[in-house]
Amino acid sequence: KWTAYDMLLELEKQGFLERRYVVNSNEKIPGRSLLKFVPTLRADSISKEGKEEDSVNADWQHARGKLLKTLSNLLPREANKVVGKLLAEIPGKEQPVINCAYVLTILLVLLKVLEEKAIQLLQHALQKVPRPEIGLFLVAGTGFGLLANPASQASVSSQLSAYVSNLQDQITTLSGGEHKLLLEFIHEALDKIINK
C-alpha cells in the first residue's frame, strides 16, 4: 500500500509538486529543516481549469433556466417582443453553447407562433436522430425554413438569418458533450411549449 509520502513523490515525478526544505521558524532553536511539497505551476493550471469549468457550468445552468422560463411564460401575442429581447441579449453571450441556446430558443418561439403542428413534427423527428449534432442541424435547418416563410417577421429575418448561419458554424466546433446539452435543452424546451 502506498503511504502519503509515496503519493507525494509520484506527484513530484509527474511535475505537479516540487520539494522544498524549510527551516522551522516556530522553534526557538531551529533544528532540522522540514520537507514540504509545494504545488507547481502545472498543478495550479489544472486547478484553474477546474474552476473555469465550474464557472461555465454555472453560466449554462443559469442561461438554461432563464430560457426555459421564457418559453414557459410565452404568450403568442408577445412573441415579437420576446424575440427582440433575446436577439438583443445574444451579443453579450461569449460562451458558444449559450449563444447557440439563445438562437435555438428564438427559433422555437417563432415556430410556436407560426404552427403548432410543426413543433410536434420537429419533436417527433428529433426523437429519431442518431447523434445530437444531427438534431441540432435539423433545428437550424428548420430555422432557415422559418425565415423563408412569408409569415415570419421581416424585421428580424435578416438579423436572425446571420445568427442561424453562425449557429451552424458553431455546431461543428462544439464538443460532443455540448451537443448533448443543447439537444437535451431543445427537448425540454419543446415540452414546455407543447404542454403550455
Protein backbone atom coordinates (compact mmCIF):
# COMPACT_ATOMS: atom_id res chain seq x y z
CA LYS A 1 0.00 0.00 0.00
CA TRP A 2 1.15 3.48 -0.75
CA THR A 3 1.90 5.88 2.01
CA ALA A 4 1.11 9.59 1.68
CA TYR A 5 4.83 10.22 1.18
CA ASP A 6 4.94 7.77 -1.75
CA MET A 7 1.99 9.56 -3.35
CA LEU A 8 3.71 12.92 -2.94
CA LEU A 9 6.87 11.54 -4.56
CA GLU A 10 4.80 10.25 -7.52
CA LEU A 11 3.12 13.66 -7.92
CA GLU A 12 6.58 15.23 -7.85
CA LYS A 13 7.75 12.88 -10.65
CA GLN A 14 4.73 13.90 -12.74
CA GLY A 15 5.56 17.58 -12.26
CA PHE A 16 2.64 18.56 -10.04
CA LEU A 17 4.69 19.13 -6.88
CA GLU A 18 8.15 20.34 -6.07
CA ARG A 19 10.17 19.56 -2.99
CA ARG A 20 11.28 22.35 -0.66
CA TYR A 21 13.26 22.25 2.54
CA VAL A 22 12.13 24.86 5.04
CA VAL A 23 13.65 25.77 8.40
CA ASN A 24 11.03 25.58 11.14
CA SER A 25 10.71 29.23 12.23
CA ASN A 26 8.30 28.43 15.08
CA GLU A 27 11.06 26.85 17.15
CA LYS A 28 13.41 28.91 19.34
CA ILE A 29 16.31 26.81 18.17
CA PRO A 30 15.67 25.76 14.62
CA GLY A 31 16.72 22.18 14.21
CA ARG A 32 16.44 20.12 11.13
CA SER A 33 14.70 21.60 8.16
CA LEU A 34 11.24 20.36 7.21
CA LEU A 35 10.44 18.78 3.90
CA LYS A 36 7.43 20.38 2.19
CA PHE A 37 5.83 19.60 -1.14
CA VAL A 38 4.52 22.67 -2.93
CA PRO A 39 2.18 22.73 -5.98
CA THR A 40 3.90 23.69 -9.24
CA LEU A 41 2.53 25.94 -11.99
CA ARG A 42 1.31 22.81 -13.76
CA ALA A 43 -0.82 21.89 -10.73
CA ASP A 44 -2.13 25.46 -10.47
CA SER A 45 -3.16 25.48 -14.12
CA ILE A 46 -5.16 22.26 -13.66
CA SER A 47 -6.82 23.72 -10.60
CA LYS A 48 -7.76 26.89 -12.55
CA GLU A 49 -9.15 24.80 -15.43
CA GLY A 50 -11.46 23.05 -12.99
CA LYS A 51 -12.67 26.38 -11.62
CA GLU A 52 -13.27 27.72 -15.14
CA GLU A 53 -15.24 24.58 -15.99
CA ASP A 54 -17.38 25.08 -12.87
CA SER A 55 -17.99 28.68 -13.93
CA VAL A 56 -19.03 27.60 -17.45
CA ASN A 57 -21.39 25.01 -15.97
CA ALA A 58 -22.94 27.60 -13.63
CA ASP A 59 -23.38 30.04 -16.55
CA TRP A 60 -25.02 27.28 -18.62
CA GLN A 61 -27.43 26.33 -15.83
CA HIS A 62 -28.39 29.98 -15.35
CA ALA A 63 -28.98 30.58 -19.09
CA ARG A 64 -30.84 27.29 -19.48
CA GLY A 65 -33.19 28.10 -16.60
CA LYS A 66 -33.83 31.59 -17.92
CA LEU A 67 -34.59 30.42 -21.46
CA LEU A 68 -36.86 27.60 -20.31
CA LYS A 69 -38.74 30.05 -18.10
CA THR A 70 -39.12 32.40 -21.08
CA LEU A 71 -40.65 29.57 -23.10
CA SER A 72 -42.93 28.53 -20.23
CA ASN A 73 -44.32 32.05 -19.96
CA LEU A 74 -44.59 32.61 -23.72
CA LEU A 75 -47.81 34.21 -24.90
CA PRO A 76 -48.23 34.23 -28.69
CA ARG A 77 -49.08 37.94 -28.74
CA GLU A 78 -45.76 38.73 -27.00
CA ALA A 79 -43.60 36.57 -29.29
CA ASN A 80 -42.14 39.50 -31.24
CA LYS A 81 -41.20 41.25 -28.01
CA VAL A 82 -39.58 38.07 -26.65
CA VAL A 83 -37.65 37.51 -29.91
CA GLY A 84 -36.43 41.12 -29.88
CA LYS A 85 -35.29 40.83 -26.27
CA LEU A 86 -33.43 37.56 -26.91
CA LEU A 87 -31.79 38.95 -30.05
CA ALA A 88 -30.58 41.95 -28.03
CA GLU A 89 -29.02 39.67 -25.40
CA ILE A 90 -27.10 37.39 -27.81
CA PRO A 91 -24.09 39.70 -28.40
CA GLY A 92 -23.26 39.54 -24.66
CA LYS A 93 -23.13 35.74 -24.65
CA GLU A 94 -19.49 34.74 -25.16
CA GLN A 95 -19.81 31.01 -24.50
CA PRO A 96 -20.74 29.28 -27.78
CA VAL A 97 -23.07 26.76 -26.13
CA ILE A 98 -25.09 29.57 -24.50
CA ASN A 99 -25.08 31.59 -27.71
CA CYS A 100 -26.48 28.55 -29.54
CA ALA A 101 -29.15 28.03 -26.87
CA TYR A 102 -30.38 31.61 -27.39
CA VAL A 103 -30.66 31.18 -31.17
CA LEU A 104 -32.41 27.84 -30.74
CA THR A 105 -34.87 29.41 -28.29
CA ILE A 106 -35.71 32.18 -30.77
CA LEU A 107 -36.37 29.59 -33.47
CA LEU A 108 -38.68 27.67 -31.13
CA VAL A 109 -40.56 30.88 -30.24
CA LEU A 110 -41.12 31.65 -33.93
CA LEU A 111 -42.13 28.06 -34.63
CA LYS A 112 -44.64 28.13 -31.78
CA VAL A 113 -46.27 31.28 -33.15
CA LEU A 114 -46.40 30.10 -36.75
CA GLU A 115 -47.51 26.49 -36.49
CA GLU A 116 -48.33 24.20 -33.54
CA LYS A 117 -48.26 21.10 -35.79
CA ALA A 118 -44.70 21.95 -36.91
CA ILE A 119 -43.50 21.80 -33.30
CA GLN A 120 -44.93 18.32 -32.88
CA LEU A 121 -43.33 17.19 -36.16
CA LEU A 122 -39.97 18.60 -35.07
CA GLN A 123 -40.23 16.91 -31.69
CA HIS A 124 -41.03 13.59 -33.36
CA ALA A 125 -38.11 13.96 -35.82
CA LEU A 126 -35.66 14.80 -33.01
CA GLN A 127 -36.52 11.59 -31.18
CA LYS A 128 -35.17 9.61 -34.15
CA VAL A 129 -31.82 11.33 -34.68
CA PRO A 130 -28.83 9.01 -34.22
CA ARG A 131 -26.47 11.71 -32.87
CA PRO A 132 -27.10 15.01 -31.03
CA GLU A 133 -25.34 17.19 -33.62
CA ILE A 134 -27.69 15.88 -36.33
CA GLY A 135 -30.63 17.04 -34.22
CA LEU A 136 -29.04 20.46 -33.85
CA PHE A 137 -28.56 20.74 -37.62
CA LEU A 138 -32.20 19.70 -38.05
CA VAL A 139 -33.35 22.56 -35.84
CA ALA A 140 -31.02 25.02 -37.62
CA GLY A 141 -32.42 23.91 -40.98
CA THR A 142 -35.94 24.35 -39.64
CA GLY A 143 -34.88 27.87 -38.67
CA PHE A 144 -33.88 28.67 -42.24
CA GLY A 145 -37.26 27.31 -43.37
CA LEU A 146 -38.96 29.61 -40.87
CA LEU A 147 -37.07 32.61 -42.17
CA ALA A 148 -38.17 31.82 -45.72
CA ASN A 149 -41.81 31.75 -44.61
CA PRO A 150 -43.60 34.99 -45.62
CA ALA A 151 -45.46 34.97 -42.30
CA SER A 152 -42.23 35.40 -40.33
CA GLN A 153 -41.19 38.86 -39.24
CA ALA A 154 -39.17 40.60 -41.95
CA SER A 155 -37.67 42.94 -39.35
CA VAL A 156 -35.90 40.10 -37.51
CA SER A 157 -35.30 37.83 -40.51
CA SER A 158 -32.02 39.36 -41.70
CA GLN A 159 -30.54 39.60 -38.21
CA LEU A 160 -31.74 36.13 -37.27
CA SER A 161 -30.51 34.68 -40.57
CA ALA A 162 -26.96 35.68 -39.62
CA TYR A 163 -27.37 34.08 -36.19
CA VAL A 164 -28.75 30.84 -37.65
CA SER A 165 -25.84 30.70 -40.09
CA ASN A 166 -23.46 31.26 -37.17
CA LEU A 167 -25.32 28.55 -35.23
CA GLN A 168 -24.50 26.05 -37.97
CA ASP A 169 -20.82 27.00 -37.81
CA GLN A 170 -20.77 26.72 -34.02
CA ILE A 171 -22.40 23.29 -34.06
CA THR A 172 -19.37 21.98 -35.96
CA THR A 173 -16.96 23.31 -33.32
CA LEU A 174 -18.85 22.31 -30.16
CA SER A 175 -17.84 19.22 -28.22
CA GLY A 176 -19.96 16.08 -28.07
CA GLY A 177 -20.94 16.96 -24.51
CA GLU A 178 -22.11 20.41 -25.61
CA HIS A 179 -24.12 18.84 -28.46
CA LYS A 180 -25.81 16.61 -25.92
CA LEU A 181 -26.52 19.53 -23.56
CA LEU A 182 -28.14 21.53 -26.35
CA LEU A 183 -30.25 18.64 -27.63
CA GLU A 184 -31.47 17.92 -24.08
CA PHE A 185 -32.28 21.64 -23.80
CA ILE A 186 -34.30 21.50 -27.04
CA HIS A 187 -36.29 18.51 -25.79
CA GLU A 188 -37.05 20.32 -22.53
CA ALA A 189 -37.96 23.48 -24.42
CA LEU A 190 -40.30 21.63 -26.78
CA ASP A 191 -42.01 20.01 -23.80
CA LYS A 192 -42.51 23.46 -22.26
CA ILE A 193 -44.11 24.99 -25.34
CA ILE A 194 -46.20 21.94 -26.32
CA ASN A 195 -47.60 21.41 -22.84
CA LYS A 196 -48.38 25.10 -22.38
